[in-house]
Amino acid sequence: MKQLIVSPAPHAHSGDSVRKNMLLVILALLPAYVVSVVEFGWGALITALISVAACMLFEWLITRFMLKEPSHLDDLSAILTGLLLAFNLPSNLPWWIVVIGALAAMTLGKMSFGGLGQNLFNPALVGRVFLLISFPVQMTTWPRPLGFATGYIDAETGATPLYYLKQMIKDGDSSLISNLPSLTDAFLGAMGGSLGEVCALALIIGGIFLICTRVITWHIPVSIILTAALFAVVTGLVGALPEGMSTCQYVLYTLLTGGMMLGAFFMATDYVTSPMTGWGKIIFGIGIGLIVMVIRTWGAYPEGMSFAILIMNACVPLLNRIRPRRFGEKKK
């Protein structure tokens, strides 16, 4: 006979559940997804639908036939993983590559560790990095935002703002400034990139919604954004910027382009793969901000958010050792 052991009163229940929190995150992503559909047209719809459907299918197959457990699709985690994976992909990516990315996310990133709550790395980013290494050309062929006039596979392509920023700093070529979108376009989403690299405004609104509903805390987003901004300020102060670009402009382009807002509010704040304590989260965020800017400035890729988050995911067990001392506990 199983015994139920109950701790002393008082008892409280916050009303939270996995399903509720996953649903709130999905709702917070919807404004950015709507902008992506408006900017990239059918490709954004097709990519997201394939990604979500494939993630759900692979989780069900693994749970049913390999783990021999009941399906957990009702917790919405597979849907969220599929949506986040789609946000990290170009909208013109061939459907079969999207499916491979979903397979990598669900097998290597999630189910191989035992499923929800046991994975060390963010599953969507595992899928994204797997595809970036396996299909570098397709994963770095970015469609231009032409709305529903944009096709799927045959979309018109071009470089991202981060590519031009990197080349400007590397070569000191100020003529590339004309290729950058205006700061207004960067803020509202009229620029090339993945589904989640457009419309910083929509992502910020979604992030504030998650903070206000207490799905996430401020520690990780704020520490990432402030660290990246400070790094950009120092870059400007040491005179590394090309002629014609001010430090203020570089800071704003750094924050409004690429995966900065998506990573800060939606990817790095994943419950399972981020630290539990406040100070742990701040150190985690600072680490991500520094790695992102180092990769953007000196690395082989113009963007480094995925790599930065995965590297810091590996540090989470160590960061979770940073805990407040219990009341009355003596210092060792």
C-alpha atoms as a PDB file:
ATOM      1  CA  MET A   1       0.000   0.000   0.000  1.00  0.00           C
ATOM      2  CA  LYS A   2       1.381   3.383  -1.029  1.00  0.00           C
ATOM      3  CA  GLN A   3       1.591   6.004   1.677  1.00  0.00           C
ATOM      4  CA  LEU A   4       0.970   9.689   1.064  1.00  0.00           C
ATOM      5  CA  ILE A   5       3.408  11.841   3.011  1.00  0.00           C
ATOM      6  CA  VAL A   6       2.200  15.400   3.550  1.00  0.00           C
ATOM      7  CA  SER A   7       4.411  18.186   4.825  1.00  0.00           C
ATOM      8  CA  PRO A   8       3.190  20.519   7.584  1.00  0.00           C
ATOM      9  CA  ALA A   9       0.780  23.370   6.798  1.00  0.00           C
ATOM     10  CA  PRO A  10       0.310  25.920   5.380  1.00  0.00           C
ATOM     11  CA  HIS A  11      -0.228  24.657   1.841  1.00  0.00           C
ATOM     12  CA  ALA A  12      -0.697  26.828  -1.227  1.00  0.00           C
ATOM     13  CA  HIS A  13      -1.226  26.255  -4.938  1.00  0.00           C
ATOM     14  CA  SER A  14      -0.316  28.922  -7.445  1.00  0.00           C
ATOM     15  CA  GLY A  15      -2.744  27.679 -10.100  1.00  0.00           C
ATOM     16  CA  ASP A  16       0.084  27.240 -12.594  1.00  0.00           C
ATOM     17  CA  SER A  17       0.398  24.183 -14.783  1.00  0.00           C
ATOM     18  CA  VAL A  18       2.644  23.135 -17.646  1.00  0.00           C
ATOM     19  CA  ARG A  19      -0.234  23.419 -20.096  1.00  0.00           C
ATOM     20  CA  LYS A  20      -1.197  26.906 -18.880  1.00  0.00           C
ATOM     21  CA  ASN A  21       2.357  28.268 -19.093  1.00  0.00           C
ATOM     22  CA  MET A  22       2.940  26.747 -22.517  1.00  0.00           C
ATOM     23  CA  LEU A  23      -0.304  28.283 -23.752  1.00  0.00           C
ATOM     24  CA  LEU A  24       0.690  31.710 -22.433  1.00  0.00           C
ATOM     25  CA  VAL A  25       4.043  31.526 -24.217  1.00  0.00           C
ATOM     26  CA  ILE A  26       2.306  30.522 -27.462  1.00  0.00           C
ATOM     27  CA  LEU A  27      -0.071  33.473 -27.089  1.00  0.00           C
ATOM     28  CA  ALA A  28       2.880  35.791 -26.453  1.00  0.00           C
ATOM     29  CA  LEU A  29       4.483  34.613 -29.719  1.00  0.00           C
ATOM     30  CA  LEU A  30       1.381  35.240 -31.815  1.00  0.00           C
ATOM     31  CA  PRO A  31       1.958  38.999 -32.440  1.00  0.00           C
ATOM     32  CA  ALA A  32       5.423  38.293 -33.847  1.00  0.00           C
ATOM     33  CA  TYR A  33       4.099  35.385 -35.890  1.00  0.00           C
ATOM     34  CA  VAL A  34       1.371  37.541 -37.401  1.00  0.00           C
ATOM     35  CA  VAL A  35       4.015  40.079 -38.452  1.00  0.00           C
ATOM     36  CA  SER A  36       6.099  37.263 -39.957  1.00  0.00           C
ATOM     37  CA  VAL A  37       3.145  36.058 -42.013  1.00  0.00           C
ATOM     38  CA  VAL A  38       2.455  39.610 -43.189  1.00  0.00           C
ATOM     39  CA  GLU A  39       6.111  40.122 -44.142  1.00  0.00           C
ATOM     40  CA  PHE A  40       7.003  36.683 -45.554  1.00  0.00           C
ATOM     41  CA  GLY A  41       3.633  35.437 -46.773  1.00  0.00           C
ATOM     42  CA  TRP A  42       2.906  31.772 -47.459  1.00  0.00           C
ATOM     43  CA  GLY A  43       6.394  30.655 -46.510  1.00  0.00           C
ATOM     44  CA  ALA A  44       5.863  31.669 -42.878  1.00  0.00           C
ATOM     45  CA  LEU A  45       2.583  29.762 -42.740  1.00  0.00           C
ATOM     46  CA  ILE A  46       3.943  26.620 -44.378  1.00  0.00           C
ATOM     47  CA  THR A  47       7.176  26.524 -42.356  1.00  0.00           C
ATOM     48  CA  ALA A  48       5.395  26.908 -39.008  1.00  0.00           C
ATOM     49  CA  LEU A  49       2.687  24.342 -39.803  1.00  0.00           C
ATOM     50  CA  ILE A  50       5.228  21.744 -40.940  1.00  0.00           C
ATOM     51  CA  SER A  51       7.464  22.364 -37.927  1.00  0.00           C
ATOM     52  CA  VAL A  52       4.646  22.091 -35.372  1.00  0.00           C
ATOM     53  CA  ALA A  53       3.083  19.014 -37.027  1.00  0.00           C
ATOM     54  CA  ALA A  54       6.452  17.238 -37.289  1.00  0.00           C
ATOM     55  CA  CYS A  55       7.363  17.936 -33.649  1.00  0.00           C
ATOM     56  CA  MET A  56       4.006  16.606 -32.473  1.00  0.00           C
ATOM     57  CA  LEU A  57       4.317  13.503 -34.645  1.00  0.00           C
ATOM     58  CA  PHE A  58       7.854  12.651 -33.520  1.00  0.00           C
ATOM     59  CA  GLU A  59       7.031  13.147 -29.832  1.00  0.00           C
ATOM     60  CA  TRP A  60       3.982  10.893 -30.146  1.00  0.00           C
ATOM     61  CA  LEU A  61       5.927   8.182 -31.979  1.00  0.00           C
ATOM     62  CA  ILE A  62       8.794   8.197 -29.487  1.00  0.00           C
ATOM     63  CA  THR A  63       6.505   8.273 -26.459  1.00  0.00           C
ATOM     64  CA  ARG A  64       4.196   5.576 -27.795  1.00  0.00           C
ATOM     65  CA  PHE A  65       6.606   3.095 -29.340  1.00  0.00           C
ATOM     66  CA  MET A  66       9.985   3.667 -27.647  1.00  0.00           C
ATOM     67  CA  LEU A  67       9.233   4.920 -24.147  1.00  0.00           C
ATOM     68  CA  LYS A  68       5.978   2.925 -23.961  1.00  0.00           C
ATOM     69  CA  GLU A  69       4.220   5.771 -22.175  1.00  0.00           C
ATOM     70  CA  PRO A  70       0.927   7.596 -22.729  1.00  0.00           C
ATOM     71  CA  SER A  71       1.044  10.590 -25.046  1.00  0.00           C
ATOM     72  CA  HIS A  72       1.860  13.977 -23.489  1.00  0.00           C
ATOM     73  CA  LEU A  73       0.795  16.109 -26.432  1.00  0.00           C
ATOM     74  CA  ASP A  74      -1.909  17.749 -24.336  1.00  0.00           C
ATOM     75  CA  ASP A  75       0.731  19.690 -22.366  1.00  0.00           C
ATOM     76  CA  LEU A  76       1.375  21.778 -25.558  1.00  0.00           C
ATOM     77  CA  SER A  77       5.160  21.557 -25.173  1.00  0.00           C
ATOM     78  CA  ALA A  78       5.611  19.895 -28.587  1.00  0.00           C
ATOM     79  CA  ILE A  79       3.543  22.650 -30.210  1.00  0.00           C
ATOM     80  CA  LEU A  80       5.666  25.335 -28.548  1.00  0.00           C
ATOM     81  CA  THR A  81       8.900  23.596 -29.573  1.00  0.00           C
ATOM     82  CA  GLY A  82       7.685  23.415 -33.165  1.00  0.00           C
ATOM     83  CA  LEU A  83       6.714  27.081 -33.172  1.00  0.00           C
ATOM     84  CA  LEU A  84      10.034  28.190 -31.653  1.00  0.00           C
ATOM     85  CA  LEU A  85      11.930  26.054 -34.155  1.00  0.00           C
ATOM     86  CA  ALA A  86      10.012  27.709 -36.996  1.00  0.00           C
ATOM     87  CA  PHE A  87      10.894  31.122 -35.555  1.00  0.00           C
ATOM     88  CA  ASN A  88      14.565  30.194 -35.965  1.00  0.00           C
ATOM     89  CA  LEU A  89      14.250  29.178 -39.627  1.00  0.00           C
ATOM     90  CA  PRO A  90      14.047  31.125 -42.890  1.00  0.00           C
ATOM     91  CA  SER A  91      10.557  31.010 -44.384  1.00  0.00           C
ATOM     92  CA  ASN A  92      11.864  29.623 -47.690  1.00  0.00           C
ATOM     93  CA  LEU A  93      13.453  26.520 -46.149  1.00  0.00           C
ATOM     94  CA  PRO A  94      12.437  23.312 -48.033  1.00  0.00           C
ATOM     95  CA  TRP A  95       9.831  21.304 -46.129  1.00  0.00           C
ATOM     96  CA  TRP A  96      11.982  18.195 -45.758  1.00  0.00           C
ATOM     97  CA  ILE A  97      14.729  20.176 -44.046  1.00  0.00           C
ATOM     98  CA  VAL A  98      12.143  21.553 -41.598  1.00  0.00           C
ATOM     99  CA  VAL A  99      11.113  17.960 -40.826  1.00  0.00           C
ATOM    100  CA  ILE A 100      14.744  16.968 -40.205  1.00  0.00           C
ATOM    101  CA  GLY A 101      15.110  19.920 -37.852  1.00  0.00           C
ATOM    102  CA  ALA A 102      12.002  18.840 -35.951  1.00  0.00           C
ATOM    103  CA  LEU A 103      13.377  15.302 -35.704  1.00  0.00           C
ATOM    104  CA  ALA A 104      16.669  16.586 -34.282  1.00  0.00           C
ATOM    105  CA  ALA A 105      14.849  18.863 -31.832  1.00  0.00           C
ATOM    106  CA  MET A 106      12.587  16.130 -30.478  1.00  0.00           C
ATOM    107  CA  THR A 107      15.108  13.265 -30.429  1.00  0.00           C
ATOM    108  CA  LEU A 108      18.482  14.867 -29.669  1.00  0.00           C
ATOM    109  CA  GLY A 109      17.140  17.872 -27.792  1.00  0.00           C
ATOM    110  CA  LYS A 110      14.231  16.518 -25.784  1.00  0.00           C
ATOM    111  CA  MET A 111      13.189  12.859 -25.797  1.00  0.00           C
ATOM    112  CA  SER A 112      16.697  11.377 -25.554  1.00  0.00           C
ATOM    113  CA  PHE A 113      16.915  12.938 -22.081  1.00  0.00           C
ATOM    114  CA  GLY A 114      13.573  11.461 -21.036  1.00  0.00           C
ATOM    115  CA  GLY A 115      11.124  14.097 -22.208  1.00  0.00           C
ATOM    116  CA  LEU A 116       9.751  17.336 -20.839  1.00  0.00           C
ATOM    117  CA  GLY A 117      11.525  18.616 -17.740  1.00  0.00           C
ATOM    118  CA  GLN A 118      14.637  16.473 -18.163  1.00  0.00           C
ATOM    119  CA  ASN A 119      16.375  17.975 -21.186  1.00  0.00           C
ATOM    120  CA  LEU A 120      19.638  19.848 -20.653  1.00  0.00           C
ATOM    121  CA  PHE A 121      19.519  21.925 -23.847  1.00  0.00           C
ATOM    122  CA  ASN A 122      16.738  23.960 -25.460  1.00  0.00           C
ATOM    123  CA  PRO A 123      15.208  21.512 -27.998  1.00  0.00           C
ATOM    124  CA  ALA A 124      14.289  24.128 -30.623  1.00  0.00           C
ATOM    125  CA  LEU A 125      17.845  25.481 -30.624  1.00  0.00           C
ATOM    126  CA  VAL A 126      19.285  21.979 -30.876  1.00  0.00           C
ATOM    127  CA  GLY A 127      17.203  21.532 -34.034  1.00  0.00           C
ATOM    128  CA  ARG A 128      18.260  24.905 -35.382  1.00  0.00           C
ATOM    129  CA  VAL A 129      21.994  24.379 -34.804  1.00  0.00           C
ATOM    130  CA  PHE A 130      21.785  20.843 -36.234  1.00  0.00           C
ATOM    131  CA  LEU A 131      20.322  22.281 -39.429  1.00  0.00           C
ATOM    132  CA  LEU A 132      22.800  25.165 -39.512  1.00  0.00           C
ATOM    133  CA  ILE A 133      25.707  22.705 -39.426  1.00  0.00           C
ATOM    134  CA  SER A 134      24.113  20.198 -41.816  1.00  0.00           C
ATOM    135  CA  PHE A 135      22.569  22.608 -44.348  1.00  0.00           C
ATOM    136  CA  PRO A 136      24.538  25.879 -44.047  1.00  0.00           C
ATOM    137  CA  VAL A 137      23.567  27.218 -47.487  1.00  0.00           C
ATOM    138  CA  GLN A 138      19.825  26.696 -47.097  1.00  0.00           C
ATOM    139  CA  MET A 139      19.893  27.956 -43.491  1.00  0.00           C
ATOM    140  CA  THR A 140      21.630  31.199 -44.463  1.00  0.00           C
ATOM    141  CA  THR A 141      19.582  32.014 -47.558  1.00  0.00           C
ATOM    142  CA  TRP A 142      17.252  34.661 -46.208  1.00  0.00           C
ATOM    143  CA  PRO A 143      14.025  35.773 -47.971  1.00  0.00           C
ATOM    144  CA  ARG A 144      13.210  39.437 -48.385  1.00  0.00           C
ATOM    145  CA  PRO A 145       9.974  40.650 -46.767  1.00  0.00           C
ATOM    146  CA  LEU A 146       7.601  41.070 -49.717  1.00  0.00           C
ATOM    147  CA  GLY A 147       4.339  40.013 -48.045  1.00  0.00           C
ATOM    148  CA  PHE A 148       2.014  37.563 -49.775  1.00  0.00           C
ATOM    149  CA  ALA A 149       3.742  38.357 -53.044  1.00  0.00           C
ATOM    150  CA  THR A 150       6.587  36.303 -51.582  1.00  0.00           C
ATOM    151  CA  GLY A 151       6.638  32.738 -52.838  1.00  0.00           C
ATOM    152  CA  TYR A 152       7.745  29.767 -50.788  1.00  0.00           C
ATOM    153  CA  ILE A 153      10.864  28.137 -52.215  1.00  0.00           C
ATOM    154  CA  ASP A 154      11.408  30.751 -54.926  1.00  0.00           C
ATOM    155  CA  ALA A 155      11.333  33.777 -52.614  1.00  0.00           C
ATOM    156  CA  GLU A 156      13.673  36.663 -53.396  1.00  0.00           C
ATOM    157  CA  THR A 157      16.645  36.486 -51.058  1.00  0.00           C
ATOM    158  CA  GLY A 158      19.244  38.850 -49.617  1.00  0.00           C
ATOM    159  CA  ALA A 159      21.672  39.384 -46.719  1.00  0.00           C
ATOM    160  CA  THR A 160      20.507  40.197 -43.192  1.00  0.00           C
ATOM    161  CA  PRO A 161      21.324  43.449 -41.346  1.00  0.00           C
ATOM    162  CA  LEU A 162      23.696  41.554 -39.045  1.00  0.00           C
ATOM    163  CA  TYR A 163      25.764  40.470 -42.035  1.00  0.00           C
ATOM    164  CA  TYR A 164      26.255  44.082 -43.095  1.00  0.00           C
ATOM    165  CA  LEU A 165      27.050  45.151 -39.523  1.00  0.00           C
ATOM    166  CA  LYS A 166      29.673  42.437 -39.231  1.00  0.00           C
ATOM    167  CA  GLN A 167      31.278  43.364 -42.562  1.00  0.00           C
ATOM    168  CA  MET A 168      31.286  47.053 -41.677  1.00  0.00           C
ATOM    169  CA  ILE A 169      33.172  46.426 -38.434  1.00  0.00           C
ATOM    170  CA  LYS A 170      35.498  43.854 -39.996  1.00  0.00           C
ATOM    171  CA  ASP A 171      36.433  45.863 -43.097  1.00  0.00           C
ATOM    172  CA  GLY A 172      35.568  49.386 -41.964  1.00  0.00           C
ATOM    173  CA  ASP A 173      33.460  49.782 -45.099  1.00  0.00           C
ATOM    174  CA  SER A 174      31.071  52.661 -44.421  1.00  0.00           C
ATOM    175  CA  SER A 175      29.400  52.264 -47.837  1.00  0.00           C
ATOM    176  CA  LEU A 176      27.491  49.254 -46.493  1.00  0.00           C
ATOM    177  CA  ILE A 177      25.467  51.533 -44.202  1.00  0.00           C
ATOM    178  CA  SER A 178      23.105  52.192 -47.118  1.00  0.00           C
ATOM    179  CA  ASN A 179      22.210  48.478 -47.143  1.00  0.00           C
ATOM    180  CA  LEU A 180      20.910  48.564 -43.591  1.00  0.00           C
ATOM    181  CA  PRO A 181      17.177  48.980 -42.964  1.00  0.00           C
ATOM    182  CA  SER A 182      16.121  52.102 -41.135  1.00  0.00           C
ATOM    183  CA  LEU A 183      15.793  51.785 -37.377  1.00  0.00           C
ATOM    184  CA  THR A 184      12.030  52.154 -37.799  1.00  0.00           C
ATOM    185  CA  ASP A 185      11.941  49.219 -40.230  1.00  0.00           C
ATOM    186  CA  ALA A 186      14.101  47.170 -37.860  1.00  0.00           C
ATOM    187  CA  PHE A 187      11.749  47.962 -34.973  1.00  0.00           C
ATOM    188  CA  LEU A 188       8.605  47.118 -36.952  1.00  0.00           C
ATOM    189  CA  GLY A 189       9.932  44.131 -38.887  1.00  0.00           C
ATOM    190  CA  ALA A 190      10.466  45.211 -42.501  1.00  0.00           C
ATOM    191  CA  MET A 191      13.776  43.369 -42.996  1.00  0.00           C
ATOM    192  CA  GLY A 192      15.118  39.984 -44.010  1.00  0.00           C
ATOM    193  CA  GLY A 193      15.878  37.140 -41.631  1.00  0.00           C
ATOM    194  CA  SER A 194      14.215  34.182 -39.956  1.00  0.00           C
ATOM    195  CA  LEU A 195      10.597  34.281 -38.810  1.00  0.00           C
ATOM    196  CA  GLY A 196      11.676  35.351 -35.321  1.00  0.00           C
ATOM    197  CA  GLU A 197      14.135  38.033 -36.432  1.00  0.00           C
ATOM    198  CA  VAL A 198      11.471  40.484 -37.521  1.00  0.00           C
ATOM    199  CA  CYS A 199       9.495  43.050 -35.540  1.00  0.00           C
ATOM    200  CA  ALA A 200      11.314  43.663 -32.282  1.00  0.00           C
ATOM    201  CA  LEU A 201       8.192  45.554 -31.159  1.00  0.00           C
ATOM    202  CA  ALA A 202       6.004  42.437 -31.319  1.00  0.00           C
ATOM    203  CA  LEU A 203       8.603  40.342 -29.484  1.00  0.00           C
ATOM    204  CA  ILE A 204       9.003  42.975 -26.764  1.00  0.00           C
ATOM    205  CA  ILE A 205       5.221  43.124 -26.314  1.00  0.00           C
ATOM    206  CA  GLY A 206       5.124  39.347 -25.993  1.00  0.00           C
ATOM    207  CA  GLY A 207       8.026  39.374 -23.556  1.00  0.00           C
ATOM    208  CA  ILE A 208       6.429  42.020 -21.334  1.00  0.00           C
ATOM    209  CA  PHE A 209       3.214  39.966 -21.373  1.00  0.00           C
ATOM    210  CA  LEU A 210       5.147  36.931 -20.077  1.00  0.00           C
ATOM    211  CA  ILE A 211       6.774  38.991 -17.322  1.00  0.00           C
ATOM    212  CA  CYS A 212       3.459  40.549 -16.273  1.00  0.00           C
ATOM    213  CA  THR A 213       1.774  37.130 -16.139  1.00  0.00           C
ATOM    214  CA  ARG A 214       4.787  35.808 -14.177  1.00  0.00           C
ATOM    215  CA  VAL A 215       5.517  33.081 -16.678  1.00  0.00           C
ATOM    216  CA  ILE A 216       9.102  34.388 -16.737  1.00  0.00           C
ATOM    217  CA  THR A 217      11.055  36.836 -14.611  1.00  0.00           C
ATOM    218  CA  TRP A 218      12.989  39.931 -15.703  1.00  0.00           C
ATOM    219  CA  HIS A 219      16.417  38.609 -14.746  1.00  0.00           C
ATOM    220  CA  ILE A 220      17.455  36.800 -17.941  1.00  0.00           C
ATOM    221  CA  PRO A 221      16.017  39.191 -20.591  1.00  0.00           C
ATOM    222  CA  VAL A 222      17.295  42.311 -18.870  1.00  0.00           C
ATOM    223  CA  SER A 223      20.776  40.904 -18.212  1.00  0.00           C
ATOM    224  CA  ILE A 224      21.140  39.714 -21.831  1.00  0.00           C
ATOM    225  CA  ILE A 225      19.973  43.000 -23.336  1.00  0.00           C
ATOM    226  CA  LEU A 226      22.012  45.220 -20.990  1.00  0.00           C
ATOM    227  CA  THR A 227      25.167  43.141 -21.500  1.00  0.00           C
ATOM    228  CA  ALA A 228      24.835  43.242 -25.288  1.00  0.00           C
ATOM    229  CA  ALA A 229      24.118  46.994 -25.200  1.00  0.00           C
ATOM    230  CA  LEU A 230      27.130  47.678 -22.970  1.00  0.00           C
ATOM    231  CA  PHE A 231      29.368  45.611 -25.260  1.00  0.00           C
ATOM    232  CA  ALA A 232      28.109  47.621 -28.253  1.00  0.00           C
ATOM    233  CA  VAL A 233      28.787  50.897 -26.415  1.00  0.00           C
ATOM    234  CA  VAL A 234      32.370  49.826 -25.656  1.00  0.00           C
ATOM    235  CA  THR A 235      32.820  48.822 -29.315  1.00  0.00           C
ATOM    236  CA  GLY A 236      31.800  52.323 -30.327  1.00  0.00           C
ATOM    237  CA  LEU A 237      33.959  54.041 -27.710  1.00  0.00           C
ATOM    238  CA  VAL A 238      37.128  52.249 -28.834  1.00  0.00           C
ATOM    239  CA  GLY A 239      36.567  53.476 -32.364  1.00  0.00           C
ATOM    240  CA  ALA A 240      35.795  50.119 -34.004  1.00  0.00           C
ATOM    241  CA  LEU A 241      32.772  51.446 -35.900  1.00  0.00           C
ATOM    242  CA  PRO A 242      32.998  52.617 -39.514  1.00  0.00           C
ATOM    243  CA  GLU A 243      32.770  56.294 -40.349  1.00  0.00           C
ATOM    244  CA  GLY A 244      29.174  57.476 -40.520  1.00  0.00           C
ATOM    245  CA  MET A 245      27.748  55.161 -37.824  1.00  0.00           C
ATOM    246  CA  SER A 246      27.297  56.484 -34.320  1.00  0.00           C
ATOM    247  CA  THR A 247      27.561  54.409 -31.157  1.00  0.00           C
ATOM    248  CA  CYS A 248      23.853  54.951 -30.497  1.00  0.00           C
ATOM    249  CA  GLN A 249      22.944  53.615 -33.947  1.00  0.00           C
ATOM    250  CA  TYR A 250      25.139  50.549 -33.467  1.00  0.00           C
ATOM    251  CA  VAL A 251      23.581  49.795 -30.075  1.00  0.00           C
ATOM    252  CA  LEU A 252      20.061  50.018 -31.508  1.00  0.00           C
ATOM    253  CA  TYR A 253      20.877  47.852 -34.535  1.00  0.00           C
ATOM    254  CA  THR A 254      22.507  45.343 -32.180  1.00  0.00           C
ATOM    255  CA  LEU A 255      19.352  45.030 -30.093  1.00  0.00           C
ATOM    256  CA  LEU A 256      16.684  45.307 -32.805  1.00  0.00           C
ATOM    257  CA  THR A 257      18.139  42.947 -35.421  1.00  0.00           C
ATOM    258  CA  GLY A 258      18.922  39.239 -35.399  1.00  0.00           C
ATOM    259  CA  GLY A 259      17.662  36.929 -32.683  1.00  0.00           C
ATOM    260  CA  MET A 260      18.358  39.230 -29.733  1.00  0.00           C
ATOM    261  CA  MET A 261      14.757  39.806 -28.604  1.00  0.00           C
ATOM    262  CA  LEU A 262      13.543  36.297 -29.471  1.00  0.00           C
ATOM    263  CA  GLY A 263      16.444  34.743 -27.599  1.00  0.00           C
ATOM    264  CA  ALA A 264      16.242  37.038 -24.594  1.00  0.00           C
ATOM    265  CA  PHE A 265      12.508  36.714 -23.951  1.00  0.00           C
ATOM    266  CA  PHE A 266      11.531  33.321 -25.370  1.00  0.00           C
ATOM    267  CA  MET A 267      14.530  30.994 -25.836  1.00  0.00           C
ATOM    268  CA  ALA A 268      16.851  31.667 -22.901  1.00  0.00           C
ATOM    269  CA  THR A 269      13.990  31.798 -20.376  1.00  0.00           C
ATOM    270  CA  ASP A 270      12.947  28.172 -20.877  1.00  0.00           C
ATOM    271  CA  TYR A 271      12.211  26.783 -17.403  1.00  0.00           C
ATOM    272  CA  VAL A 272      14.082  23.510 -17.789  1.00  0.00           C
ATOM    273  CA  THR A 273      17.275  24.844 -19.348  1.00  0.00           C
ATOM    274  CA  SER A 274      17.739  28.040 -17.306  1.00  0.00           C
ATOM    275  CA  PRO A 275      18.867  28.522 -13.667  1.00  0.00           C
ATOM    276  CA  MET A 276      16.447  28.491 -10.770  1.00  0.00           C
ATOM    277  CA  THR A 277      17.818  31.353  -8.664  1.00  0.00           C
ATOM    278  CA  GLY A 278      17.805  35.068  -9.351  1.00  0.00           C
ATOM    279  CA  TRP A 279      21.582  35.478  -9.252  1.00  0.00           C
ATOM    280  CA  GLY A 280      21.999  32.346 -11.330  1.00  0.00           C
ATOM    281  CA  LYS A 281      19.684  33.803 -13.977  1.00  0.00           C
ATOM    282  CA  ILE A 282      21.573  37.099 -14.033  1.00  0.00           C
ATOM    283  CA  ILE A 283      24.939  35.361 -14.496  1.00  0.00           C
ATOM    284  CA  PHE A 284      23.316  33.133 -17.135  1.00  0.00           C
ATOM    285  CA  GLY A 285      22.040  36.188 -19.018  1.00  0.00           C
ATOM    286  CA  ILE A 286      25.351  38.042 -18.795  1.00  0.00           C
ATOM    287  CA  GLY A 287      27.126  34.991 -20.193  1.00  0.00           C
ATOM    288  CA  ILE A 288      24.704  34.777 -23.121  1.00  0.00           C
ATOM    289  CA  GLY A 289      25.039  38.494 -23.875  1.00  0.00           C
ATOM    290  CA  LEU A 290      28.837  38.323 -23.898  1.00  0.00           C
ATOM    291  CA  ILE A 291      29.031  35.183 -26.059  1.00  0.00           C
ATOM    292  CA  VAL A 292      26.510  36.585 -28.548  1.00  0.00           C
ATOM    293  CA  MET A 293      28.500  39.772 -29.030  1.00  0.00           C
ATOM    294  CA  VAL A 294      31.855  37.957 -29.248  1.00  0.00           C
ATOM    295  CA  ILE A 295      30.485  35.697 -31.993  1.00  0.00           C
ATOM    296  CA  ARG A 296      28.832  38.607 -33.804  1.00  0.00           C
ATOM    297  CA  THR A 297      32.041  40.640 -33.706  1.00  0.00           C
ATOM    298  CA  TRP A 298      34.786  38.061 -34.294  1.00  0.00           C
ATOM    299  CA  GLY A 299      33.095  34.723 -35.032  1.00  0.00           C
ATOM    300  CA  ALA A 300      32.413  33.011 -38.339  1.00  0.00           C
ATOM    301  CA  TYR A 301      28.663  33.645 -38.140  1.00  0.00           C
ATOM    302  CA  PRO A 302      26.975  37.062 -38.086  1.00  0.00           C
ATOM    303  CA  GLU A 303      24.565  35.782 -35.404  1.00  0.00           C
ATOM    304  CA  GLY A 304      25.434  33.869 -32.245  1.00  0.00           C
ATOM    305  CA  MET A 305      22.315  33.703 -30.076  1.00  0.00           C
ATOM    306  CA  SER A 306      21.661  29.980 -30.604  1.00  0.00           C
ATOM    307  CA  PHE A 307      25.247  29.013 -29.791  1.00  0.00           C
ATOM    308  CA  ALA A 308      25.348  31.337 -26.785  1.00  0.00           C
ATOM    309  CA  ILE A 309      22.193  29.910 -25.222  1.00  0.00           C
ATOM    310  CA  LEU A 310      23.270  26.286 -25.778  1.00  0.00           C
ATOM    311  CA  ILE A 311      26.708  26.971 -24.262  1.00  0.00           C
ATOM    312  CA  MET A 312      25.140  28.563 -21.191  1.00  0.00           C
ATOM    313  CA  ASN A 313      22.550  25.749 -20.989  1.00  0.00           C
ATOM    314  CA  ALA A 314      25.501  23.458 -20.258  1.00  0.00           C
ATOM    315  CA  CYS A 315      26.465  25.717 -17.334  1.00  0.00           C
ATOM    316  CA  VAL A 316      23.036  25.623 -15.675  1.00  0.00           C
ATOM    317  CA  PRO A 317      23.793  22.691 -13.293  1.00  0.00           C
ATOM    318  CA  LEU A 318      26.751  24.690 -11.979  1.00  0.00           C
ATOM    319  CA  LEU A 319      24.753  27.926 -11.743  1.00  0.00           C
ATOM    320  CA  ASN A 320      22.011  26.132  -9.797  1.00  0.00           C
ATOM    321  CA  ARG A 321      24.530  25.634  -6.996  1.00  0.00           C
ATOM    322  CA  ILE A 322      24.278  29.380  -6.341  1.00  0.00           C
ATOM    323  CA  ARG A 323      21.547  29.332  -3.713  1.00  0.00           C
ATOM    324  CA  PRO A 324      20.675  31.644  -0.815  1.00  0.00           C
ATOM    325  CA  ARG A 325      21.781  30.447   2.611  1.00  0.00           C
ATOM    326  CA  ARG A 326      19.019  28.907   4.682  1.00  0.00           C
ATOM    327  CA  PHE A 327      17.806  31.000   7.621  1.00  0.00           C
ATOM    328  CA  GLY A 328      20.128  30.391  10.562  1.00  0.00           C
ATOM    329  CA  GLU A 329      22.679  28.455   8.509  1.00  0.00           C
ATOM    330  CA  LYS A 330      26.296  29.204   9.402  1.00  0.00           C
ATOM    331  CA  LYS A 331      28.837  30.168   6.788  1.00  0.00           C
ATOM    332  CA  LYS A 332      31.203  27.359   5.842  1.00  0.00           C
END
